[in-house]
Structures are given as C-alpha cells and as structure tokens.
C-alpha atoms as a PDB file:
ATOM      1  CA  MET A   1     163.533 145.486  87.100  1.00  0.00           C
ATOM      2  CA  VAL A   2     161.667 146.757  89.924  1.00  0.00           C
ATOM      3  CA  GLY A   3     161.836 144.224  93.066  1.00  0.00           C
ATOM      4  CA  TYR A   4     158.094 143.608  94.244  1.00  0.00           C
ATOM      5  CA  MET A   5     157.664 141.854  97.893  1.00  0.00           C
ATOM      6  CA  TYR A   6     154.198 140.364  99.226  1.00  0.00           C
ATOM      7  CA  ASP A   7     152.895 138.094 101.242  1.00  0.00           C
ATOM      8  CA  PRO A   8     149.517 136.114 101.070  1.00  0.00           C
ATOM      9  CA  LYS A   9     149.473 134.999 105.133  1.00  0.00           C
ATOM     10  CA  GLN A  10     149.301 138.779 105.969  1.00  0.00           C
ATOM     11  CA  VAL A  11     146.071 138.565 105.975  1.00  0.00           C
ATOM     12  CA  GLU A  12     146.740 136.223 109.377  1.00  0.00           C
ATOM     13  CA  HIS A  13     147.183 139.687 111.007  1.00  0.00           C
ATOM     14  CA  ASP A  14     143.345 139.948 111.815  1.00  0.00           C
ATOM     15  CA  THR A  15     141.889 143.588 113.155  1.00  0.00           C
ATOM     16  CA  SER A  16     138.246 142.499 111.683  1.00  0.00           C
ATOM     17  CA  GLU A  17     136.706 146.242 111.381  1.00  0.00           C
ATOM     18  CA  HIS A  18     139.536 148.335 112.152  1.00  0.00           C
ATOM     19  CA  ILE A  19     140.710 150.804 109.225  1.00  0.00           C
ATOM     20  CA  GLU A  20     144.445 149.009 108.844  1.00  0.00           C
ATOM     21  CA  VAL A  21     142.844 146.020 107.130  1.00  0.00           C
ATOM     22  CA  SER A  22     144.486 143.001 104.876  1.00  0.00           C
ATOM     23  CA  GLN A  23     142.929 144.479 101.762  1.00  0.00           C
ATOM     24  CA  ARG A  24     145.144 147.097 101.404  1.00  0.00           C
ATOM     25  CA  ALA A  25     147.858 144.710 100.525  1.00  0.00           C
ATOM     26  CA  ILE A  26     145.364 143.013  98.570  1.00  0.00           C
ATOM     27  CA  ALA A  27     144.434 145.350  96.714  1.00  0.00           C
ATOM     28  CA  ILE A  28     148.017 147.012  96.248  1.00  0.00           C
ATOM     29  CA  ASP A  29     149.163 143.112  95.209  1.00  0.00           C
ATOM     30  CA  GLU A  30     146.192 142.813  92.043  1.00  0.00           C
ATOM     31  CA  MET A  31     146.575 146.107  90.563  1.00  0.00           C
ATOM     32  CA  ALA A  32     150.894 145.247  91.029  1.00  0.00           C
ATOM     33  CA  GLN A  33     150.214 141.930  89.541  1.00  0.00           C
ATOM     34  CA  ALA A  34     148.661 143.506  86.604  1.00  0.00           C
ATOM     35  CA  ASN A  35     150.219 146.013  85.527  1.00  0.00           C
ATOM     36  CA  PHE A  36     153.827 145.994  86.361  1.00  0.00           C
ATOM     37  CA  ASN A  37     156.199 143.012  84.569  1.00  0.00           C
ATOM     38  CA  LEU A  38     157.603 143.196  88.474  1.00  0.00           C
ATOM     39  CA  TYR A  39     161.005 141.218  89.860  1.00  0.00           C
ATOM     40  CA  GLN A  40     158.505 138.747  92.877  1.00  0.00           C
ATOM     41  CA  ILE A  41     161.284 139.342  96.337  1.00  0.00           C
ATOM     42  CA  PRO A  42     160.463 136.377  98.310  1.00  0.00           C
ATOM     43  CA  VAL A  43     159.338 136.489 101.601  1.00  0.00           C
ATOM     44  CA  ARG A  44     161.066 135.109 104.794  1.00  0.00           C
ATOM     45  CA  GLU A  45     160.538 131.672 105.852  1.00  0.00           C
ATOM     46  CA  GLU A  46     164.118 131.340 107.978  1.00  0.00           C
ATOM     47  CA  GLY A  47     164.041 133.935 109.709  1.00  0.00           C
ATOM     48  CA  THR A  48     164.352 133.580 113.527  1.00  0.00           C
ATOM     49  CA  LYS A  49     162.613 136.080 116.344  1.00  0.00           C
ATOM     50  CA  ASP A  50     166.193 136.574 118.427  1.00  0.00           C
ATOM     51  CA  GLU A  51     166.889 138.754 114.533  1.00  0.00           C
ATOM     52  CA  LEU A  52     164.352 141.574 116.371  1.00  0.00           C
ATOM     53  CA  GLU A  53     166.814 142.607 118.993  1.00  0.00           C
ATOM     54  CA  MET A  54     168.904 144.190 116.697  1.00  0.00           C
ATOM     55  CA  VAL A  55     165.825 147.087 117.088  1.00  0.00           C
ATOM     56  CA  HIS A  56     163.849 145.836 119.772  1.00  0.00           C
ATOM     57  CA  ASP A  57     163.984 144.621 123.153  1.00  0.00           C
ATOM     58  CA  LYS A  58     163.816 140.948 123.705  1.00  0.00           C
ATOM     59  CA  SER A  59     161.272 141.129 126.661  1.00  0.00           C
ATOM     60  CA  TYR A  60     159.125 143.215 124.207  1.00  0.00           C
ATOM     61  CA  ILE A  61     159.419 140.775 121.885  1.00  0.00           C
ATOM     62  CA  ASP A  62     158.646 137.446 123.712  1.00  0.00           C
ATOM     63  CA  TRP A  63     155.201 139.713 124.841  1.00  0.00           C
ATOM     64  CA  VAL A  64     154.091 139.627 122.162  1.00  0.00           C
ATOM     65  CA  GLU A  65     154.806 136.661 121.307  1.00  0.00           C
ATOM     66  CA  SER A  66     153.007 134.935 123.966  1.00  0.00           C
ATOM     67  CA  GLY A  67     150.479 137.746 123.741  1.00  0.00           C
ATOM     68  CA  TYR A  68     147.246 135.706 122.511  1.00  0.00           C
ATOM     69  CA  GLU A  69     147.808 132.977 124.156  1.00  0.00           C
ATOM     70  CA  ASN A  70     147.796 135.074 127.642  1.00  0.00           C
ATOM     71  CA  GLY A  71     144.392 136.989 126.962  1.00  0.00           C
ATOM     72  CA  VAL A  72     146.284 140.357 125.303  1.00  0.00           C
ATOM     73  CA  ARG A  73     144.225 141.665 122.457  1.00  0.00           C
ATOM     74  CA  MET A  74     145.631 145.071 122.388  1.00  0.00           C
ATOM     75  CA  ILE A  75     148.764 146.526 122.694  1.00  0.00           C
ATOM     76  CA  ILE A  76     148.940 150.060 124.335  1.00  0.00           C
ATOM     77  CA  SER A  77     145.563 150.699 123.605  1.00  0.00           C
ATOM     78  CA  SER A  78     142.569 149.449 120.193  1.00  0.00           C
ATOM     79  CA  ASP A  79     144.743 151.222 117.770  1.00  0.00           C
ATOM     80  CA  THR A  80     147.281 148.162 117.501  1.00  0.00           C
ATOM     81  CA  ILE A  81     145.081 145.048 117.718  1.00  0.00           C
ATOM     82  CA  LEU A  82     147.280 141.540 118.313  1.00  0.00           C
ATOM     83  CA  SER A  83     145.237 139.000 116.699  1.00  0.00           C
ATOM     84  CA  LYS A  84     146.052 135.082 117.054  1.00  0.00           C
ATOM     85  CA  GLY A  85     148.042 135.170 113.584  1.00  0.00           C
ATOM     86  CA  SER A  86     149.744 139.044 114.495  1.00  0.00           C
ATOM     87  CA  TYR A  87     153.290 137.477 115.923  1.00  0.00           C
ATOM     88  CA  GLU A  88     154.149 135.528 113.395  1.00  0.00           C
ATOM     89  CA  VAL A  89     152.886 137.880 110.510  1.00  0.00           C
ATOM     90  CA  ALA A  90     154.973 141.035 111.803  1.00  0.00           C
ATOM     91  CA  LYS A  91     158.135 138.813 112.521  1.00  0.00           C
ATOM     92  CA  ARG A  92     157.629 137.505 108.952  1.00  0.00           C
ATOM     93  CA  ALA A  93     157.032 141.177 107.384  1.00  0.00           C
ATOM     94  CA  ALA A  94     160.180 142.446 109.747  1.00  0.00           C
ATOM     95  CA  LEU A  95     162.994 139.819 108.613  1.00  0.00           C
ATOM     96  CA  SER A  96     161.444 139.380 105.364  1.00  0.00           C
ATOM     97  CA  THR A  97     163.212 142.795 104.352  1.00  0.00           C
ATOM     98  CA  LYS A  98     166.285 141.374 104.447  1.00  0.00           C
ATOM     99  CA  ASN A  99     165.677 139.557 101.169  1.00  0.00           C
ATOM    100  CA  ALA A 100     164.957 142.926  99.930  1.00  0.00           C
ATOM    101  CA  ILE A 101     168.741 143.924 100.598  1.00  0.00           C
ATOM    102  CA  GLU A 102     170.309 140.191  98.904  1.00  0.00           C
ATOM    103  CA  PHE A 103     168.094 141.624  95.973  1.00  0.00           C
ATOM    104  CA  PHE A 104     170.006 144.843  96.051  1.00  0.00           C
ATOM    105  CA  LYS A 105     173.407 143.156  96.871  1.00  0.00           C
ATOM    106  CA  ASN A 106     172.928 141.005  93.608  1.00  0.00           C
ATOM    107  CA  GLY A 107     172.116 143.989  91.482  1.00  0.00           C
ATOM    108  CA  GLY A 108     169.163 145.251  92.054  1.00  0.00           C
ATOM    109  CA  LYS A 109     168.287 148.975  92.487  1.00  0.00           C
ATOM    110  CA  ARG A 110     164.387 149.736  93.030  1.00  0.00           C
ATOM    111  CA  ALA A 111     162.193 147.651  95.443  1.00  0.00           C
ATOM    112  CA  PHE A 112     158.509 147.783  96.895  1.00  0.00           C
ATOM    113  CA  LEU A 113     157.538 146.058  99.894  1.00  0.00           C
ATOM    114  CA  ASN A 114     153.883 145.829  99.964  1.00  0.00           C
ATOM    115  CA  LEU A 115     153.709 144.388 103.997  1.00  0.00           C
ATOM    116  CA  ARG A 116     151.827 144.554 106.892  1.00  0.00           C
ATOM    117  CA  PRO A 117     151.036 145.626 109.411  1.00  0.00           C
ATOM    118  CA  PRO A 118     153.205 148.857 109.094  1.00  0.00           C
ATOM    119  CA  GLY A 119     156.056 149.584 111.494  1.00  0.00           C
ATOM    120  CA  HIS A 120     157.189 153.313 111.618  1.00  0.00           C
ATOM    121  CA  HIS A 121     155.481 153.881 115.366  1.00  0.00           C
ATOM    122  CA  ALA A 122     156.818 150.657 116.908  1.00  0.00           C
ATOM    123  CA  GLU A 123     160.117 151.115 119.501  1.00  0.00           C
ATOM    124  CA  ILE A 124     162.322 150.015 121.191  1.00  0.00           C
ATOM    125  CA  ILE A 125     160.260 148.532 123.955  1.00  0.00           C
ATOM    126  CA  THR A 126     156.721 148.615 122.614  1.00  0.00           C
ATOM    127  CA  GLY A 127     154.286 148.826 119.715  1.00  0.00           C
ATOM    128  CA  GLN A 128     151.821 151.735 118.916  1.00  0.00           C
ATOM    129  CA  GLY A 129     150.125 152.938 115.736  1.00  0.00           C
ATOM    130  CA  PHE A 130     148.514 150.195 114.320  1.00  0.00           C
ATOM    131  CA  CYS A 131     152.698 149.219 114.000  1.00  0.00           C
ATOM    132  CA  ILE A 132     153.889 146.119 116.126  1.00  0.00           C
ATOM    133  CA  PHE A 133     157.763 145.824 114.998  1.00  0.00           C
ATOM    134  CA  ASN A 134     159.228 147.823 112.854  1.00  0.00           C
ATOM    135  CA  ASN A 135     160.237 147.199 109.704  1.00  0.00           C
ATOM    136  CA  ILE A 136     161.935 149.415 107.984  1.00  0.00           C
ATOM    137  CA  ALA A 137     164.893 149.342 111.003  1.00  0.00           C
ATOM    138  CA  MET A 138     164.964 146.102 110.431  1.00  0.00           C
ATOM    139  CA  MET A 139     165.924 146.773 106.942  1.00  0.00           C
ATOM    140  CA  ALA A 140     168.637 149.379 108.100  1.00  0.00           C
ATOM    141  CA  ARG A 141     170.151 146.961 110.075  1.00  0.00           C
ATOM    142  CA  TYR A 142     170.131 144.216 107.653  1.00  0.00           C
ATOM    143  CA  ALA A 143     171.509 146.701 104.733  1.00  0.00           C
ATOM    144  CA  GLN A 144     174.044 147.568 107.422  1.00  0.00           C
ATOM    145  CA  GLN A 145     175.268 143.700 107.901  1.00  0.00           C
ATOM    146  CA  ALA A 146     174.746 143.671 103.977  1.00  0.00           C
ATOM    147  CA  GLY A 147     177.916 146.381 103.578  1.00  0.00           C
ATOM    148  CA  TYR A 148     175.656 149.192 103.178  1.00  0.00           C
ATOM    149  CA  LYS A 149     177.163 150.995 106.248  1.00  0.00           C
ATOM    150  CA  LYS A 150     175.688 154.465 106.085  1.00  0.00           C
ATOM    151  CA  VAL A 151     171.755 154.626 105.542  1.00  0.00           C
ATOM    152  CA  LEU A 152     169.082 157.726 105.101  1.00  0.00           C
ATOM    153  CA  ILE A 153     165.011 156.841 106.306  1.00  0.00           C
ATOM    154  CA  ILE A 154     162.807 159.153 104.746  1.00  0.00           C
ATOM    155  CA  ASP A 155     159.639 158.748 106.161  1.00  0.00           C
ATOM    156  CA  PHE A 156     156.679 160.676 104.350  1.00  0.00           C
ATOM    157  CA  ASP A 157     153.610 158.779 106.507  1.00  0.00           C
ATOM    158  CA  VAL A 158     151.615 162.482 107.834  1.00  0.00           C
ATOM    159  CA  HIS A 159     152.018 160.949 110.859  1.00  0.00           C
ATOM    160  CA  HIS A 160     155.488 161.077 113.290  1.00  0.00           C
ATOM    161  CA  GLY A 161     157.479 157.705 112.648  1.00  0.00           C
ATOM    162  CA  ASN A 162     158.257 157.917 116.304  1.00  0.00           C
ATOM    163  CA  GLY A 163     159.153 153.977 116.759  1.00  0.00           C
ATOM    164  CA  THR A 164     162.216 155.016 113.833  1.00  0.00           C
ATOM    165  CA  GLN A 165     163.710 158.001 115.573  1.00  0.00           C
ATOM    166  CA  ASP A 166     163.573 156.578 118.797  1.00  0.00           C
ATOM    167  CA  ILE A 167     165.693 153.562 117.594  1.00  0.00           C
ATOM    168  CA  PHE A 168     168.242 155.363 115.868  1.00  0.00           C
ATOM    169  CA  TYR A 169     168.284 158.592 117.800  1.00  0.00           C
ATOM    170  CA  ARG A 170     172.087 157.681 118.962  1.00  0.00           C
ATOM    171  CA  ASP A 171     173.284 156.652 115.787  1.00  0.00           C
ATOM    172  CA  ASN A 172     175.382 158.788 113.518  1.00  0.00           C
ATOM    173  CA  THR A 173     174.803 155.428 110.698  1.00  0.00           C
ATOM    174  CA  VAL A 174     171.325 156.135 110.214  1.00  0.00           C
ATOM    175  CA  PHE A 175     169.923 159.617 109.079  1.00  0.00           C
ATOM    176  CA  TYR A 176     166.185 159.447 109.838  1.00  0.00           C
ATOM    177  CA  PHE A 177     164.395 162.654 107.831  1.00  0.00           C
ATOM    178  CA  SER A 178     160.448 162.854 108.069  1.00  0.00           C
ATOM    179  CA  THR A 179     157.965 165.041 106.960  1.00  0.00           C
ATOM    180  CA  HIS A 180     154.988 164.867 108.745  1.00  0.00           C
ATOM    181  CA  GLU A 181     151.916 167.036 109.766  1.00  0.00           C
ATOM    182  CA  ARG A 182     151.857 169.120 113.036  1.00  0.00           C
ATOM    183  CA  ASP A 183     149.845 168.104 116.111  1.00  0.00           C
ATOM    184  CA  ASN A 184     148.749 164.738 114.689  1.00  0.00           C
ATOM    185  CA  TYR A 185     149.397 161.097 116.094  1.00  0.00           C
ATOM    186  CA  PRO A 186     152.186 160.501 117.786  1.00  0.00           C
ATOM    187  CA  TYR A 187     150.983 164.342 118.963  1.00  0.00           C
ATOM    188  CA  PHE A 188     154.005 164.482 121.248  1.00  0.00           C
ATOM    189  CA  SER A 189     157.116 163.860 118.924  1.00  0.00           C
ATOM    190  CA  GLY A 190     158.600 164.877 115.622  1.00  0.00           C
ATOM    191  CA  SER A 191     159.263 168.487 116.465  1.00  0.00           C
ATOM    192  CA  GLU A 192     162.203 170.598 114.874  1.00  0.00           C
ATOM    193  CA  ASP A 193     164.253 170.420 118.167  1.00  0.00           C
ATOM    194  CA  GLU A 194     164.143 167.023 117.904  1.00  0.00           C
ATOM    195  CA  ILE A 195     168.097 166.643 116.132  1.00  0.00           C
ATOM    196  CA  GLY A 196     169.512 162.894 117.921  1.00  0.00           C
ATOM    197  CA  GLU A 197     171.716 162.583 120.496  1.00  0.00           C
ATOM    198  CA  GLY A 198     175.249 162.090 122.090  1.00  0.00           C
ATOM    199  CA  GLU A 199     176.633 160.225 118.658  1.00  0.00           C
ATOM    200  CA  GLY A 200     173.356 160.929 116.999  1.00  0.00           C
ATOM    201  CA  ARG A 201     173.635 164.427 117.263  1.00  0.00           C
ATOM    202  CA  GLY A 202     172.513 166.184 113.804  1.00  0.00           C
ATOM    203  CA  TYR A 203     171.158 162.867 112.557  1.00  0.00           C
ATOM    204  CA  ASN A 204     167.792 162.762 112.900  1.00  0.00           C
ATOM    205  CA  GLU A 205     165.714 166.052 110.937  1.00  0.00           C
ATOM    206  CA  ASN A 206     161.881 166.598 112.159  1.00  0.00           C
ATOM    207  CA  LEU A 207     160.063 168.839 109.629  1.00  0.00           C
ATOM    208  CA  PRO A 208     156.350 169.061 110.882  1.00  0.00           C
ATOM    209  CA  TYR A 209     154.769 171.539 108.910  1.00  0.00           C
ATOM    210  CA  HIS A 210     150.931 173.114 108.769  1.00  0.00           C
ATOM    211  CA  ARG A 211     147.397 171.182 108.243  1.00  0.00           C
ATOM    212  CA  GLY A 212     145.707 171.727 104.546  1.00  0.00           C
ATOM    213  CA  ILE A 213     149.441 172.442 102.980  1.00  0.00           C
ATOM    214  CA  THR A 214     149.804 172.759  99.691  1.00  0.00           C
ATOM    215  CA  ASP A 215     151.738 170.550  97.118  1.00  0.00           C
ATOM    216  CA  ASP A 216     154.212 173.231  96.168  1.00  0.00           C
ATOM    217  CA  GLU A 217     155.078 173.933  99.958  1.00  0.00           C
ATOM    218  CA  PHE A 218     155.204 169.974 100.275  1.00  0.00           C
ATOM    219  CA  VAL A 219     157.571 169.380  97.776  1.00  0.00           C
ATOM    220  CA  ALA A 220     159.766 172.198  98.298  1.00  0.00           C
ATOM    221  CA  LEU A 221     160.228 170.765 101.845  1.00  0.00           C
ATOM    222  CA  TYR A 222     162.291 167.427  99.743  1.00  0.00           C
ATOM    223  CA  ASP A 223     164.872 170.525  98.827  1.00  0.00           C
ATOM    224  CA  ASN A 224     165.911 169.804 102.656  1.00  0.00           C
ATOM    225  CA  LEU A 225     166.705 165.900 102.136  1.00  0.00           C
ATOM    226  CA  PRO A 226     170.376 165.778 103.460  1.00  0.00           C
ATOM    227  CA  ASP A 227     173.655 166.805 101.923  1.00  0.00           C
ATOM    228  CA  ASP A 228     176.413 166.142 104.340  1.00  0.00           C
ATOM    229  CA  PHE A 229     175.611 162.701 104.467  1.00  0.00           C
ATOM    230  CA  SER A 230     176.531 160.528 102.091  1.00  0.00           C
ATOM    231  CA  PRO A 231     174.621 156.658 101.518  1.00  0.00           C
ATOM    232  CA  ASP A 232     174.687 153.789 100.773  1.00  0.00           C
ATOM    233  CA  ILE A 233     171.972 153.164 100.403  1.00  0.00           C
ATOM    234  CA  VAL A 234     167.999 154.940 100.344  1.00  0.00           C
ATOM    235  CA  LEU A 235     165.131 153.414 102.823  1.00  0.00           C
ATOM    236  CA  VAL A 236     161.396 155.166 102.441  1.00  0.00           C
ATOM    237  CA  SER A 237     158.454 154.726 104.746  1.00  0.00           C
ATOM    238  CA  ALA A 238     156.179 155.288 102.635  1.00  0.00           C
ATOM    239  CA  GLY A 239     153.020 156.117 104.597  1.00  0.00           C
ATOM    240  CA  TYR A 240     150.640 157.859 101.879  1.00  0.00           C
ATOM    241  CA  ASP A 241     147.535 158.863 103.866  1.00  0.00           C
ATOM    242  CA  LEU A 242     148.715 162.215 103.678  1.00  0.00           C
ATOM    243  CA  MET A 243     146.579 162.424  99.953  1.00  0.00           C
ATOM    244  CA  VAL A 244     143.778 163.896  99.758  1.00  0.00           C
ATOM    245  CA  SER A 245     141.156 161.730  99.643  1.00  0.00           C
ATOM    246  CA  GLU A 246     142.438 159.795 103.628  1.00  0.00           C
ATOM    247  CA  ALA A 247     139.978 161.032 106.415  1.00  0.00           C
ATOM    248  CA  ILE A 248     143.006 160.821 109.537  1.00  0.00           C
ATOM    249  CA  SER A 249     144.792 164.004 108.252  1.00  0.00           C
ATOM    250  CA  SER A 250     143.707 167.554 106.918  1.00  0.00           C
ATOM    251  CA  THR A 251     146.426 167.160 104.441  1.00  0.00           C
ATOM    252  CA  LYS A 252     145.754 167.344 100.647  1.00  0.00           C
ATOM    253  CA  ILE A 253     148.483 166.431  98.888  1.00  0.00           C
ATOM    254  CA  THR A 254     147.126 165.175  95.167  1.00  0.00           C
ATOM    255  CA  SER A 255     148.611 162.771  92.424  1.00  0.00           C
ATOM    256  CA  LYS A 256     151.219 165.111  90.947  1.00  0.00           C
ATOM    257  CA  GLY A 257     152.916 166.945  94.355  1.00  0.00           C
ATOM    258  CA  LEU A 258     152.975 163.335  95.154  1.00  0.00           C
ATOM    259  CA  GLU A 259     154.350 162.437  92.082  1.00  0.00           C
ATOM    260  CA  ARG A 260     156.788 165.634  92.287  1.00  0.00           C
ATOM    261  CA  MET A 261     157.488 164.561  95.763  1.00  0.00           C
ATOM    262  CA  ILE A 262     159.063 160.903  94.814  1.00  0.00           C
ATOM    263  CA  ARG A 263     160.813 163.104  92.294  1.00  0.00           C
ATOM    264  CA  LYS A 264     162.879 164.273  93.752  1.00  0.00           C
ATOM    265  CA  ILE A 265     164.191 161.286  95.632  1.00  0.00           C
ATOM    266  CA  LEU A 266     164.972 159.006  93.074  1.00  0.00           C
ATOM    267  CA  GLU A 267     166.727 161.713  91.264  1.00  0.00           C
ATOM    268  CA  LYS A 268     168.877 162.545  94.226  1.00  0.00           C
ATOM    269  CA  TYR A 269     169.996 159.546  94.980  1.00  0.00           C
ATOM    270  CA  GLN A 270     169.845 157.952  91.183  1.00  0.00           C
ATOM    271  CA  ALA A 271     173.062 156.201  91.872  1.00  0.00           C
ATOM    272  CA  LEU A 272     171.631 154.199  95.357  1.00  0.00           C
ATOM    273  CA  PRO A 273     169.682 150.887  96.144  1.00  0.00           C
ATOM    274  CA  ILE A 274     166.613 152.898  96.998  1.00  0.00           C
ATOM    275  CA  ALA A 275     162.934 150.919  98.579  1.00  0.00           C
ATOM    276  CA  PHE A 276     159.927 151.583 100.008  1.00  0.00           C
ATOM    277  CA  VAL A 277     158.453 149.727 102.522  1.00  0.00           C
ATOM    278  CA  LEU A 278     154.690 150.929 103.167  1.00  0.00           C
ATOM    279  CA  GLU A 279     153.554 152.206 105.971  1.00  0.00           C
ATOM    280  CA  GLY A 280     149.988 154.435 105.999  1.00  0.00           C
ATOM    281  CA  GLY A 281     147.096 154.350 103.324  1.00  0.00           C
ATOM    282  CA  TYR A 282     143.650 153.439 104.183  1.00  0.00           C
ATOM    283  CA  ASN A 283     141.646 155.520 101.360  1.00  0.00           C
ATOM    284  CA  ILE A 284     142.201 152.312  99.352  1.00  0.00           C
ATOM    285  CA  PRO A 285     141.012 153.272  95.657  1.00  0.00           C
ATOM    286  CA  SER A 286     143.883 156.277  96.694  1.00  0.00           C
ATOM    287  CA  LEU A 287     146.460 153.794  97.852  1.00  0.00           C
ATOM    288  CA  VAL A 288     146.170 151.375  95.429  1.00  0.00           C
ATOM    289  CA  GLU A 289     146.287 155.026  92.824  1.00  0.00           C
ATOM    290  CA  SER A 290     149.537 156.298  94.753  1.00  0.00           C
ATOM    291  CA  VAL A 291     151.427 152.624  94.903  1.00  0.00           C
ATOM    292  CA  LYS A 292     150.881 152.900  91.165  1.00  0.00           C
ATOM    293  CA  ILE A 293     152.534 156.522  90.805  1.00  0.00           C
ATOM    294  CA  THR A 294     155.819 155.130  92.792  1.00  0.00           C
ATOM    295  CA  LEU A 295     155.880 151.912  90.827  1.00  0.00           C
ATOM    296  CA  GLU A 296     156.310 153.999  87.323  1.00  0.00           C
ATOM    297  CA  LEU A 297     158.609 156.339  88.787  1.00  0.00           C
ATOM    298  CA  PHE A 298     160.249 153.225  89.659  1.00  0.00           C
ATOM    299  CA  GLU A 299     160.442 151.559  86.107  1.00  0.00           C
ATOM    300  CA  ALA A 300     161.343 154.807  84.948  1.00  0.00           C
ATOM    301  CA  SER A 301     164.319 154.844  86.958  1.00  0.00           C
ATOM    302  CA  ASP A 302     165.533 151.942  87.232  1.00  0.00           C
ATOM    303  CA  ASP A 303     168.478 151.129  85.580  1.00  0.00           C
ATOM    304  CA  SER A 304     169.087 147.768  86.923  1.00  0.00           C
END
C-alpha cells in the first residue's frame, strides 16, 4: 500500500496572498482521499526542536522559534513569510518525515509526503525561497539513523535545491542529483561544476537546462542518474513547478513528460523504498493533476 502524509495544521503557516498557500496542500489532500486507498502516515507530535540540529544551525532554529514574537515577519526577504504559526508548522513538517521512515522500516515501499512549507531552499544557517526548514534533508538523516546508510536525493523542482546541496556538500553518504532551469531562482547556485567538496566531492550532480526545454530533452536527463552510487533509499524533492501551466518559469513540461520521468526513477530503483516530498507547484489544478499522476504510478509500482 502507498503511504501518504498530510498535516491539517499546515494552514497555521499563514502566507496570505503569497503563491505558496495552504490551499495547495488542501487541494492535493482532497484529490488523494477521493481517488486512492492510501495508508495514512501520521504526523509526529512528540518531536523536539533539537532534532533539527541534524541539518540546521542551532542559532538559526532559535531565531525562527522566537522570530514572530520579536517582530520578524520574513526570512531574508518577503518571499519567505514568518507568521504566528509558521515555526510550529515548519518544525512538524520536518520532524514528521521520521514517521515515513518508520513506514518503510515496517515494509512500505512508496510514500508521498504532502507537507508545507517546502524545504529544499533552506540551508544550514537560513531559510529562503518559501522554505524554513529542510524537510528532505531531515528525512535523509532519519533514514540513516534507521539503517539506510546511503541516501540518494533526486530533485526535479524547476529551481535548484541550494539548501539540500549546502547541507550535504561535504558528505559522501548522501548523493544529491538535481535537474533545474538555468539562471532561475536562486540564480547563483546549481552549476555543473558544483560537484561537492572534501569527502563529498563527486556526490553532487547538477544538470541545469535551458529555457523552454522539451519533454524529450528533460526526460533524457534522467539517463544520468548515478550508476556508481548504490543507495539504500531514494528520496525525491517533488517540485511540480516545472509544468506547462506554471507561471514562475519558462519550462513547459507536459503531463506525459512528467509521467515518463517518474517512471524512469521508479523503474531504476524499483526494489528500494522511494518517497516523494512536496516542494514547488503553484498552479493548483496543475499541481493536483501532477500529484495524481505520481500516486497512480506509485500504486502501479508498489509491491509491498
């Protein structure tokens, strides 16, 4: 059975008129509940903020925790909003990824985490780009604690996951593989020559692509998934803002292109646990349809 996580309290991260709104997750949840028989992975209630120090600096965590009461309303710039409930919602999202790892340890093979705020732009010392804490990075560390020593993170969001790269750039136990639109946000990261440093050299691969990339060109990039890294688990930053109906990039990937790319991932790593963690996607009808395609493919590939 396919695992699925959704936190109704995500609405307390109030972004008002921002494009990253709670309706994104609500609409996905309504579709998922109406169309699929999913195993509901519970959100985590007992996690402590100290766990966030696996990927973030303590001073940053403390700053976010007290930020709203101290008058802070944004992180770095107005694209990353800090409302009264944002700290608790972001903490729950990041810490709840541990429960998805438990789902895998108990025999599950596929999981979709419908969480917000997104996370892949959150670096060790700061959030940015709609992201407060790095959900997929936390999930990778929880996976390693549970015995999945080698983690592959695939990021197909149209924007480079600078935060995930930052956290694992010197780590040879986590391979970060990203495809993203060149010269889009965050503008100054994600080039081909960023391959990792120290022990992590060779464990970071960026494949930036040109504006207006076609389905065929995009899907072909996934022929480059690493062959010399044998992961124990695959975690995917699932950013659906690369789709044709989205307004914040020139990338025009169709539903067929998305389906072909996801199939490549699922077929290559068929025997491994695979989790998709929601990142971008702001045209809500397009986002819902994209997640529906994902869940349909999950059901077809799940043998747990």
